[in-house]
């Protein structure tokens, strides 16, 4: 039972990553097939590029959710280095609270647009699929983003785990490799 719980938790923890990998693979293969068909058979899948575009949009939104999970969203943080750690954490938490409020409002707006106001006859041009299925990514992605922002703040503020942006860790690693420690001089 505990092993099954860990597998489910691992899947949920990397859900956005798995979705991004699947979407990326699918739209790249779709576009590659489209290119091959055009070049070698003078044939084109009429709905291929439209579907690839929608898959790319979904990829971008789920990628933003994944960036939230990693704490890798773009933000200006250099000024926090001048402040005490607790003050910096408090300001970051406050800005994340504003972000969560914005996300909740956007979830409400996008949900209302997709499920209440959207005309049922709006369909994709070449596939004929109702557009609400493509626009559904908006409330879904912003909902996941909100959960990830809250999860990240829980880990930072409650659990005390220092979450660092993966890019910042990479920069620190490169700087450490390129700046070897100076040799100590012997005193005679």
N, C-alpha and C. Protein backbone atom coordinates (compact mmCIF):
# COMPACT_ATOMS: atom_id res chain seq x y z
N UNK A 1 0.83 -1.20 0.00
CA UNK A 1 0.00 0.00 0.00
C UNK A 1 0.87 1.26 0.00
N UNK A 2 1.90 1.26 0.84
CA UNK A 2 2.77 2.43 0.92
C UNK A 2 3.53 2.64 -0.38
N UNK A 3 3.94 1.55 -1.03
CA UNK A 3 4.65 1.65 -2.31
C UNK A 3 3.73 2.27 -3.37
N UNK A 4 2.47 1.87 -3.40
CA UNK A 4 1.51 2.42 -4.35
C UNK A 4 1.30 3.91 -4.08
N UNK A 5 1.24 4.28 -2.80
CA UNK A 5 1.09 5.68 -2.43
C UNK A 5 2.28 6.50 -2.92
N UNK A 6 3.50 5.97 -2.79
CA UNK A 6 4.70 6.67 -3.25
C UNK A 6 4.70 6.83 -4.77
N UNK A 7 4.25 5.81 -5.48
CA UNK A 7 4.21 5.88 -6.95
C UNK A 7 3.20 6.95 -7.38
N UNK A 8 2.04 6.97 -6.74
CA UNK A 8 1.02 7.98 -7.08
C UNK A 8 1.53 9.37 -6.74
N UNK A 9 2.15 9.52 -5.58
CA UNK A 9 2.71 10.82 -5.18
C UNK A 9 3.81 11.27 -6.15
N UNK A 10 4.66 10.35 -6.57
CA UNK A 10 5.73 10.66 -7.53
C UNK A 10 5.12 11.10 -8.86
N UNK A 11 4.07 10.42 -9.31
CA UNK A 11 3.41 10.79 -10.56
C UNK A 11 2.81 12.18 -10.46
N UNK A 12 2.10 12.46 -9.36
CA UNK A 12 1.48 13.77 -9.18
C UNK A 12 2.52 14.87 -9.04
N UNK A 13 3.62 14.56 -8.41
CA UNK A 13 4.67 15.55 -8.22
C UNK A 13 5.33 15.94 -9.54
N UNK A 14 5.31 15.02 -10.50
CA UNK A 14 5.92 15.29 -11.81
C UNK A 14 4.89 15.32 -12.93
N UNK A 15 3.63 15.51 -12.60
CA UNK A 15 2.53 15.48 -13.56
C UNK A 15 2.78 16.42 -14.74
N UNK A 16 3.13 17.66 -14.45
CA UNK A 16 3.34 18.65 -15.50
C UNK A 16 4.50 18.25 -16.40
N UNK A 17 5.55 17.68 -15.82
CA UNK A 17 6.69 17.25 -16.60
C UNK A 17 6.29 16.15 -17.58
N UNK A 18 5.52 15.18 -17.12
CA UNK A 18 5.07 14.10 -17.99
C UNK A 18 4.18 14.62 -19.11
N UNK A 19 3.28 15.54 -18.77
CA UNK A 19 2.39 16.12 -19.79
C UNK A 19 3.22 16.89 -20.82
N UNK A 20 4.19 17.68 -20.35
CA UNK A 20 5.05 18.45 -21.27
C UNK A 20 5.83 17.52 -22.20
N UNK A 21 6.37 16.45 -21.65
CA UNK A 21 7.12 15.50 -22.48
C UNK A 21 6.23 14.88 -23.54
N UNK A 22 5.04 14.49 -23.15
CA UNK A 22 4.09 13.88 -24.09
C UNK A 22 3.68 14.88 -25.17
N UNK A 23 3.33 16.09 -24.78
CA UNK A 23 2.91 17.11 -25.75
C UNK A 23 4.05 17.46 -26.70
N UNK A 24 5.24 17.65 -26.16
CA UNK A 24 6.40 18.00 -27.00
C UNK A 24 6.66 16.90 -28.03
N UNK A 25 6.70 15.66 -27.56
CA UNK A 25 6.95 14.54 -28.47
C UNK A 25 5.88 14.48 -29.55
N UNK A 26 4.63 14.65 -29.15
CA UNK A 26 3.53 14.51 -30.11
C UNK A 26 3.56 15.61 -31.16
N UNK A 27 3.73 16.87 -30.74
CA UNK A 27 3.68 17.92 -31.76
C UNK A 27 4.94 17.95 -32.61
N UNK A 28 6.08 17.55 -32.09
CA UNK A 28 7.29 17.50 -32.91
C UNK A 28 7.16 16.37 -33.95
N UNK A 29 6.69 15.21 -33.53
CA UNK A 29 6.49 14.11 -34.47
C UNK A 29 5.46 14.49 -35.52
N UNK A 30 4.38 15.11 -35.09
CA UNK A 30 3.34 15.54 -36.02
C UNK A 30 3.89 16.51 -37.07
N UNK A 31 4.67 17.48 -36.64
CA UNK A 31 5.26 18.42 -37.59
C UNK A 31 6.30 17.76 -38.49
N UNK A 32 7.06 16.82 -37.95
CA UNK A 32 8.05 16.09 -38.74
C UNK A 32 7.36 15.26 -39.83
N UNK A 33 6.29 14.57 -39.47
CA UNK A 33 5.52 13.80 -40.45
C UNK A 33 4.94 14.73 -41.51
N UNK A 34 4.46 15.88 -41.06
CA UNK A 34 3.91 16.86 -41.99
C UNK A 34 4.97 17.30 -43.01
N UNK A 35 6.19 17.55 -42.55
CA UNK A 35 7.28 17.96 -43.44
C UNK A 35 7.61 16.84 -44.42
N UNK A 36 7.73 15.60 -43.91
CA UNK A 36 8.04 14.47 -44.78
C UNK A 36 6.96 14.28 -45.86
N UNK A 37 5.71 14.38 -45.45
CA UNK A 37 4.62 14.21 -46.41
C UNK A 37 4.65 15.29 -47.49
N UNK A 38 4.95 16.51 -47.11
CA UNK A 38 5.01 17.60 -48.08
C UNK A 38 6.18 17.44 -49.05
N UNK A 39 7.34 17.12 -48.50
CA UNK A 39 8.55 17.05 -49.32
C UNK A 39 8.57 15.85 -50.26
N UNK A 40 8.14 14.70 -49.76
CA UNK A 40 8.29 13.48 -50.55
C UNK A 40 7.02 13.03 -51.27
N UNK A 41 5.86 13.43 -50.77
CA UNK A 41 4.62 12.94 -51.37
C UNK A 41 3.71 14.06 -51.86
N UNK A 42 4.15 15.31 -51.70
CA UNK A 42 3.33 16.47 -52.08
C UNK A 42 1.93 16.38 -51.48
N UNK A 43 1.89 15.95 -50.25
CA UNK A 43 0.62 15.78 -49.54
C UNK A 43 0.75 16.47 -48.19
N UNK A 44 -0.35 16.95 -47.69
CA UNK A 44 -0.34 17.62 -46.40
C UNK A 44 -1.55 17.18 -45.58
N UNK A 45 -1.33 16.97 -44.31
CA UNK A 45 -2.45 16.67 -43.40
C UNK A 45 -3.10 18.01 -43.10
N UNK A 46 -4.35 18.15 -43.46
CA UNK A 46 -5.02 19.46 -43.36
C UNK A 46 -5.10 19.96 -41.93
N UNK A 47 -5.25 19.09 -40.98
CA UNK A 47 -5.43 19.50 -39.59
C UNK A 47 -4.13 19.45 -38.79
N UNK A 48 -3.03 19.02 -39.41
CA UNK A 48 -1.78 18.80 -38.69
C UNK A 48 -1.20 20.03 -38.03
N UNK A 49 -1.11 21.11 -38.77
CA UNK A 49 -0.51 22.32 -38.21
C UNK A 49 -1.39 22.96 -37.15
N UNK A 50 -2.69 22.89 -37.36
CA UNK A 50 -3.60 23.46 -36.36
C UNK A 50 -3.49 22.69 -35.04
N UNK A 51 -3.48 21.37 -35.13
CA UNK A 51 -3.35 20.56 -33.91
C UNK A 51 -1.99 20.80 -33.25
N UNK A 52 -0.93 20.89 -34.05
CA UNK A 52 0.41 21.15 -33.50
C UNK A 52 0.44 22.49 -32.77
N UNK A 53 -0.26 23.49 -33.31
CA UNK A 53 -0.31 24.80 -32.67
C UNK A 53 -1.01 24.71 -31.31
N UNK A 54 -2.13 24.02 -31.26
CA UNK A 54 -2.85 23.87 -29.99
C UNK A 54 -2.04 23.05 -28.98
N UNK A 55 -1.36 22.02 -29.46
CA UNK A 55 -0.52 21.23 -28.57
C UNK A 55 0.63 22.07 -28.02
N UNK A 56 1.18 22.94 -28.87
CA UNK A 56 2.26 23.82 -28.42
C UNK A 56 1.75 24.79 -27.35
N UNK A 57 0.56 25.33 -27.52
CA UNK A 57 -0.02 26.23 -26.52
C UNK A 57 -0.20 25.50 -25.20
N UNK A 58 -0.72 24.28 -25.25
CA UNK A 58 -0.87 23.48 -24.03
C UNK A 58 0.50 23.21 -23.40
N UNK A 59 1.49 22.93 -24.24
CA UNK A 59 2.85 22.69 -23.77
C UNK A 59 3.39 23.90 -23.00
N UNK A 60 3.15 25.09 -23.53
CA UNK A 60 3.62 26.31 -22.88
C UNK A 60 2.97 26.49 -21.51
N UNK A 61 1.66 26.29 -21.44
CA UNK A 61 0.96 26.47 -20.17
C UNK A 61 1.38 25.42 -19.13
N UNK A 62 1.51 24.17 -19.54
CA UNK A 62 1.97 23.17 -18.59
C UNK A 62 3.43 23.37 -18.23
N UNK A 63 4.22 23.91 -19.16
CA UNK A 63 5.61 24.26 -18.86
C UNK A 63 5.68 25.34 -17.79
N UNK A 64 4.75 26.30 -17.85
CA UNK A 64 4.69 27.34 -16.81
C UNK A 64 4.35 26.72 -15.46
N UNK A 65 3.47 25.74 -15.44
CA UNK A 65 3.14 25.04 -14.19
C UNK A 65 4.36 24.30 -13.65
N UNK A 66 5.09 23.66 -14.56
CA UNK A 66 6.29 22.93 -14.15
C UNK A 66 7.35 23.89 -13.61
N UNK A 67 7.47 25.05 -14.22
CA UNK A 67 8.41 26.06 -13.72
C UNK A 67 8.02 26.50 -12.31
N UNK A 68 6.72 26.62 -12.05
CA UNK A 68 6.27 26.95 -10.69
C UNK A 68 6.69 25.87 -9.71
N UNK A 69 6.54 24.63 -10.10
CA UNK A 69 6.88 23.52 -9.22
C UNK A 69 8.36 23.54 -8.86
N UNK A 70 9.20 23.95 -9.82
CA UNK A 70 10.65 23.99 -9.59
C UNK A 70 11.11 25.29 -8.92
N UNK A 71 10.20 26.25 -8.82
CA UNK A 71 10.60 27.56 -8.31
C UNK A 71 11.44 28.30 -9.34
N UNK A 72 11.19 28.04 -10.61
CA UNK A 72 12.02 28.59 -11.68
C UNK A 72 11.30 29.65 -12.49
N UNK A 73 10.23 30.18 -11.97
CA UNK A 73 9.53 31.23 -12.71
C UNK A 73 10.36 32.49 -12.71
N UNK A 74 10.29 33.22 -13.81
CA UNK A 74 11.06 34.47 -13.91
C UNK A 74 10.56 35.47 -12.89
N UNK A 75 11.47 35.97 -12.12
CA UNK A 75 11.17 37.04 -11.17
C UNK A 75 12.46 37.74 -10.82
N UNK A 76 12.33 38.98 -10.44
CA UNK A 76 13.50 39.76 -10.05
C UNK A 76 13.76 39.50 -8.57
N UNK A 77 14.95 38.97 -8.26
CA UNK A 77 15.24 38.62 -6.87
C UNK A 77 16.57 39.17 -6.36
N UNK A 78 17.28 39.93 -7.19
CA UNK A 78 18.60 40.40 -6.75
C UNK A 78 18.50 41.28 -5.51
N UNK A 79 17.40 42.03 -5.37
CA UNK A 79 17.26 42.94 -4.24
C UNK A 79 17.11 42.18 -2.91
N UNK A 80 16.71 40.91 -2.97
CA UNK A 80 16.54 40.13 -1.76
C UNK A 80 17.88 39.79 -1.10
N UNK A 81 18.93 39.84 -1.87
CA UNK A 81 20.26 39.53 -1.33
C UNK A 81 20.71 40.60 -0.34
N UNK A 82 20.13 41.80 -0.44
CA UNK A 82 20.49 42.89 0.46
C UNK A 82 19.70 42.84 1.77
N UNK A 83 18.66 42.01 1.81
CA UNK A 83 17.78 41.95 2.97
C UNK A 83 18.08 40.71 3.81
N UNK A 84 17.70 40.76 5.09
CA UNK A 84 17.80 39.55 5.90
C UNK A 84 16.92 38.44 5.30
N UNK A 85 17.33 37.21 5.48
CA UNK A 85 16.66 36.05 4.86
C UNK A 85 15.17 36.01 5.18
N UNK A 86 14.79 36.24 6.43
CA UNK A 86 13.37 36.17 6.83
C UNK A 86 12.55 37.27 6.16
N UNK A 87 13.12 38.44 6.04
CA UNK A 87 12.42 39.54 5.38
C UNK A 87 12.23 39.22 3.90
N UNK A 88 13.27 38.69 3.27
CA UNK A 88 13.19 38.32 1.86
C UNK A 88 12.12 37.25 1.65
N UNK A 89 12.09 36.25 2.54
CA UNK A 89 11.07 35.20 2.44
C UNK A 89 9.67 35.78 2.60
N UNK A 90 9.52 36.73 3.52
CA UNK A 90 8.21 37.36 3.73
C UNK A 90 7.75 38.15 2.51
N UNK A 91 8.67 38.88 1.90
CA UNK A 91 8.31 39.65 0.71
C UNK A 91 7.98 38.72 -0.45
N UNK A 92 8.77 37.66 -0.61
CA UNK A 92 8.47 36.67 -1.66
C UNK A 92 7.11 36.02 -1.43
N UNK A 93 6.82 35.69 -0.19
CA UNK A 93 5.53 35.07 0.13
C UNK A 93 4.38 36.03 -0.15
N UNK A 94 4.57 37.31 0.15
CA UNK A 94 3.53 38.30 -0.14
C UNK A 94 3.32 38.44 -1.64
N UNK A 95 4.42 38.48 -2.40
CA UNK A 95 4.26 38.58 -3.86
C UNK A 95 3.62 37.32 -4.43
N UNK A 96 3.93 36.17 -3.84
CA UNK A 96 3.28 34.93 -4.27
C UNK A 96 1.79 34.93 -3.91
N UNK A 97 1.44 35.57 -2.79
CA UNK A 97 0.03 35.70 -2.43
C UNK A 97 -0.72 36.53 -3.48
N UNK A 98 -0.11 37.60 -3.93
CA UNK A 98 -0.71 38.41 -4.99
C UNK A 98 -0.84 37.58 -6.26
N UNK A 99 0.18 36.77 -6.55
CA UNK A 99 0.14 35.89 -7.71
C UNK A 99 -1.01 34.89 -7.61
N UNK A 100 -1.18 34.30 -6.44
CA UNK A 100 -2.27 33.34 -6.22
C UNK A 100 -3.63 34.02 -6.38
N UNK A 101 -3.76 35.23 -5.88
CA UNK A 101 -5.02 35.96 -6.03
C UNK A 101 -5.30 36.22 -7.52
N UNK A 102 -4.26 36.66 -8.24
CA UNK A 102 -4.42 36.87 -9.68
C UNK A 102 -4.82 35.57 -10.37
N UNK A 103 -4.14 34.46 -10.04
CA UNK A 103 -4.46 33.17 -10.64
C UNK A 103 -5.90 32.76 -10.37
N UNK A 104 -6.34 32.95 -9.13
CA UNK A 104 -7.73 32.58 -8.78
C UNK A 104 -8.73 33.42 -9.58
N UNK A 105 -8.45 34.69 -9.72
CA UNK A 105 -9.32 35.55 -10.52
C UNK A 105 -9.31 35.10 -11.98
N UNK A 106 -8.14 34.78 -12.50
CA UNK A 106 -8.04 34.33 -13.89
C UNK A 106 -8.72 32.99 -14.08
N UNK A 107 -8.63 32.09 -13.09
CA UNK A 107 -9.34 30.81 -13.16
C UNK A 107 -10.83 31.07 -13.29
N UNK A 108 -11.34 31.98 -12.46
CA UNK A 108 -12.76 32.33 -12.51
C UNK A 108 -13.13 32.88 -13.88
N UNK A 109 -12.34 33.84 -14.39
CA UNK A 109 -12.64 34.44 -15.70
C UNK A 109 -12.57 33.41 -16.82
N UNK A 110 -11.54 32.60 -16.82
CA UNK A 110 -11.38 31.63 -17.91
C UNK A 110 -12.42 30.52 -17.82
N UNK A 111 -12.76 30.09 -16.62
CA UNK A 111 -13.81 29.08 -16.46
C UNK A 111 -15.14 29.63 -16.97
N UNK A 112 -15.45 30.87 -16.60
CA UNK A 112 -16.68 31.49 -17.06
C UNK A 112 -16.69 31.61 -18.58
N UNK A 113 -15.55 32.01 -19.15
CA UNK A 113 -15.46 32.15 -20.60
C UNK A 113 -15.65 30.80 -21.30
N UNK A 114 -14.93 29.79 -20.83
CA UNK A 114 -14.94 28.49 -21.51
C UNK A 114 -16.27 27.76 -21.33
N UNK A 115 -16.81 27.75 -20.13
CA UNK A 115 -17.96 26.89 -19.86
C UNK A 115 -19.30 27.62 -19.82
N UNK A 116 -19.28 28.96 -19.80
CA UNK A 116 -20.55 29.69 -19.73
C UNK A 116 -20.76 30.57 -20.96
N UNK A 117 -19.77 31.37 -21.28
CA UNK A 117 -19.94 32.37 -22.34
C UNK A 117 -19.55 31.90 -23.74
N UNK A 118 -18.74 30.87 -23.83
CA UNK A 118 -18.26 30.44 -25.15
C UNK A 118 -19.40 29.83 -25.95
N UNK A 119 -19.50 30.27 -27.17
CA UNK A 119 -20.52 29.78 -28.09
C UNK A 119 -20.21 28.32 -28.42
N UNK A 120 -21.21 27.46 -28.31
CA UNK A 120 -21.02 26.04 -28.58
C UNK A 120 -20.67 25.77 -30.05
N UNK A 121 -20.94 26.73 -30.91
CA UNK A 121 -20.69 26.53 -32.33
C UNK A 121 -19.28 26.98 -32.75
N UNK A 122 -18.50 27.52 -31.81
CA UNK A 122 -17.11 27.88 -32.13
C UNK A 122 -16.32 26.58 -32.23
N UNK A 123 -15.84 26.31 -33.41
CA UNK A 123 -15.09 25.07 -33.62
C UNK A 123 -13.77 25.39 -34.31
N UNK A 124 -12.82 24.49 -34.12
CA UNK A 124 -11.54 24.67 -34.80
C UNK A 124 -11.76 24.56 -36.30
N UNK A 125 -10.98 25.32 -37.05
CA UNK A 125 -11.22 25.45 -38.49
C UNK A 125 -11.12 24.14 -39.25
N UNK A 126 -10.05 23.40 -39.07
CA UNK A 126 -9.85 22.21 -39.89
C UNK A 126 -10.28 20.91 -39.21
N UNK A 127 -10.29 20.88 -37.88
CA UNK A 127 -10.64 19.65 -37.18
C UNK A 127 -12.11 19.58 -36.81
N UNK A 128 -12.76 20.74 -36.68
CA UNK A 128 -14.17 20.77 -36.31
C UNK A 128 -14.44 20.42 -34.86
N UNK A 129 -13.44 20.52 -34.01
CA UNK A 129 -13.59 20.22 -32.58
C UNK A 129 -14.01 21.51 -31.87
N UNK A 130 -14.97 21.43 -30.94
CA UNK A 130 -15.35 22.66 -30.21
C UNK A 130 -14.14 23.30 -29.52
N UNK A 131 -14.04 24.61 -29.65
CA UNK A 131 -12.89 25.35 -29.13
C UNK A 131 -12.77 25.28 -27.61
N UNK A 132 -13.86 24.98 -26.94
CA UNK A 132 -13.76 24.92 -25.47
C UNK A 132 -12.77 23.86 -25.01
N UNK A 133 -12.57 22.81 -25.80
CA UNK A 133 -11.61 21.78 -25.42
C UNK A 133 -10.18 22.28 -25.51
N UNK A 134 -9.92 23.22 -26.38
CA UNK A 134 -8.58 23.80 -26.48
C UNK A 134 -8.37 24.89 -25.44
N UNK A 135 -9.42 25.68 -25.19
CA UNK A 135 -9.33 26.75 -24.20
C UNK A 135 -9.40 26.25 -22.77
N UNK A 136 -9.76 25.00 -22.60
CA UNK A 136 -9.84 24.42 -21.26
C UNK A 136 -8.49 24.43 -20.55
N UNK A 137 -7.42 24.61 -21.30
CA UNK A 137 -6.09 24.65 -20.71
C UNK A 137 -5.96 25.85 -19.77
N UNK A 138 -6.70 26.93 -20.02
CA UNK A 138 -6.56 28.14 -19.20
C UNK A 138 -6.93 27.90 -17.74
N UNK A 139 -8.16 27.48 -17.42
CA UNK A 139 -8.44 27.25 -16.00
C UNK A 139 -7.63 26.10 -15.42
N UNK A 140 -7.37 25.09 -16.24
CA UNK A 140 -6.61 23.94 -15.76
C UNK A 140 -5.18 24.33 -15.39
N UNK A 141 -4.50 25.02 -16.29
CA UNK A 141 -3.11 25.39 -16.05
C UNK A 141 -2.98 26.40 -14.92
N UNK A 142 -3.86 27.38 -14.87
CA UNK A 142 -3.76 28.36 -13.79
C UNK A 142 -4.13 27.74 -12.45
N UNK A 143 -5.01 26.75 -12.46
CA UNK A 143 -5.30 26.02 -11.23
C UNK A 143 -4.09 25.24 -10.75
N UNK A 144 -3.44 24.53 -11.66
CA UNK A 144 -2.22 23.78 -11.30
C UNK A 144 -1.10 24.72 -10.86
N UNK A 145 -1.00 25.86 -11.55
CA UNK A 145 0.03 26.84 -11.19
C UNK A 145 -0.20 27.35 -9.76
N UNK A 146 -1.45 27.60 -9.42
CA UNK A 146 -1.78 28.06 -8.08
C UNK A 146 -1.41 27.01 -7.04
N UNK A 147 -1.73 25.75 -7.33
CA UNK A 147 -1.39 24.66 -6.41
C UNK A 147 0.12 24.58 -6.25
N UNK A 148 0.87 24.72 -7.33
CA UNK A 148 2.33 24.63 -7.25
C UNK A 148 2.93 25.82 -6.49
N UNK A 149 2.38 27.00 -6.65
CA UNK A 149 2.88 28.17 -5.91
C UNK A 149 2.63 27.96 -4.42
N UNK A 150 1.45 27.48 -4.07
CA UNK A 150 1.14 27.21 -2.66
C UNK A 150 2.03 26.10 -2.11
N UNK A 151 2.25 25.06 -2.92
CA UNK A 151 3.12 23.96 -2.50
C UNK A 151 4.54 24.45 -2.25
N UNK A 152 5.04 25.28 -3.13
CA UNK A 152 6.39 25.82 -3.00
C UNK A 152 6.52 26.68 -1.74
N UNK A 153 5.51 27.50 -1.48
CA UNK A 153 5.55 28.33 -0.27
C UNK A 153 5.41 27.49 0.99
N UNK A 154 4.66 26.42 0.93
CA UNK A 154 4.57 25.50 2.07
C UNK A 154 5.95 24.91 2.37
N UNK A 155 6.63 24.47 1.32
CA UNK A 155 7.96 23.89 1.52
C UNK A 155 8.95 24.91 2.06
N UNK A 156 8.87 26.15 1.56
CA UNK A 156 9.81 27.18 2.01
C UNK A 156 9.48 27.70 3.41
N UNK A 157 8.21 28.02 3.64
CA UNK A 157 7.85 28.71 4.88
C UNK A 157 7.56 27.76 6.04
N UNK A 158 6.92 26.65 5.78
CA UNK A 158 6.53 25.73 6.86
C UNK A 158 7.61 24.68 7.10
N UNK A 159 8.06 24.04 6.02
CA UNK A 159 9.06 22.97 6.15
C UNK A 159 10.49 23.51 6.26
N UNK A 160 10.70 24.77 5.85
CA UNK A 160 12.04 25.36 5.93
C UNK A 160 13.01 24.86 4.87
N UNK A 161 12.49 24.31 3.79
CA UNK A 161 13.35 23.81 2.71
C UNK A 161 13.72 24.98 1.80
N UNK A 162 14.99 25.13 1.55
CA UNK A 162 15.46 26.22 0.69
C UNK A 162 15.36 25.77 -0.77
N UNK A 163 14.36 26.26 -1.46
CA UNK A 163 14.14 25.91 -2.86
C UNK A 163 14.89 26.92 -3.72
N UNK A 164 15.81 26.44 -4.53
CA UNK A 164 16.56 27.32 -5.41
C UNK A 164 16.20 27.04 -6.84
N UNK A 165 16.18 28.10 -7.61
CA UNK A 165 15.93 28.01 -9.05
C UNK A 165 17.01 27.12 -9.67
N UNK A 166 16.62 26.12 -10.47
CA UNK A 166 17.62 25.24 -11.09
C UNK A 166 18.66 25.99 -11.92
N UNK A 167 18.26 27.08 -12.55
CA UNK A 167 19.23 27.87 -13.32
C UNK A 167 20.25 28.54 -12.40
N UNK A 168 19.79 29.02 -11.24
CA UNK A 168 20.70 29.64 -10.28
C UNK A 168 21.70 28.60 -9.76
N UNK A 169 21.22 27.38 -9.54
CA UNK A 169 22.13 26.32 -9.09
C UNK A 169 23.17 26.01 -10.16
N UNK A 170 22.75 26.02 -11.42
CA UNK A 170 23.68 25.76 -12.52
C UNK A 170 24.72 26.87 -12.63
N UNK A 171 24.30 28.11 -12.46
CA UNK A 171 25.23 29.24 -12.51
C UNK A 171 26.24 29.13 -11.37
N UNK A 172 25.77 28.81 -10.17
CA UNK A 172 26.68 28.64 -9.03
C UNK A 172 27.69 27.53 -9.29
N UNK A 173 27.24 26.45 -9.90
CA UNK A 173 28.12 25.32 -10.20
C UNK A 173 29.20 25.73 -11.21
N UNK A 174 28.81 26.43 -12.25
CA UNK A 174 29.77 26.89 -13.27
C UNK A 174 30.77 27.86 -12.66
N UNK A 175 30.28 28.80 -11.84
CA UNK A 175 31.18 29.75 -11.19
C UNK A 175 32.17 29.06 -10.27
N UNK A 176 31.69 28.05 -9.55
CA UNK A 176 32.57 27.32 -8.65
C UNK A 176 33.65 26.55 -9.42
N UNK A 177 33.27 26.00 -10.58
CA UNK A 177 34.24 25.25 -11.39
C UNK A 177 35.27 26.18 -12.04
N UNK A 178 34.87 27.38 -12.40
CA UNK A 178 35.76 28.31 -13.10
C UNK A 178 36.60 29.18 -12.17
N UNK A 179 36.26 29.19 -10.90
CA UNK A 179 37.01 29.97 -9.93
C UNK A 179 37.60 29.05 -8.87
N UNK A 180 38.71 28.39 -9.20
CA UNK A 180 39.29 27.49 -8.20
C UNK A 180 39.79 28.29 -7.00
N UNK A 181 39.80 27.62 -5.87
CA UNK A 181 40.25 28.26 -4.64
C UNK A 181 41.72 28.63 -4.78
N UNK A 182 42.09 29.84 -4.33
CA UNK A 182 43.50 30.23 -4.42
C UNK A 182 44.37 29.35 -3.53
N UNK A 183 45.58 29.10 -4.01
CA UNK A 183 46.50 28.29 -3.22
C UNK A 183 46.94 29.08 -2.00
N UNK A 184 47.01 28.39 -0.88
CA UNK A 184 47.45 29.03 0.35
C UNK A 184 48.97 29.17 0.33
N UNK A 185 49.42 30.34 0.71
CA UNK A 185 50.86 30.57 0.74
C UNK A 185 51.40 30.17 2.09
N UNK A 186 52.55 29.59 2.03
CA UNK A 186 53.18 29.15 3.27
C UNK A 186 53.92 30.35 3.91
N UNK A 187 53.79 30.45 5.21
CA UNK A 187 54.51 31.51 5.93
C UNK A 187 55.88 30.99 6.34
N UNK A 188 56.92 31.68 6.01
CA UNK A 188 58.29 31.29 6.37
C UNK A 188 58.76 32.04 7.57
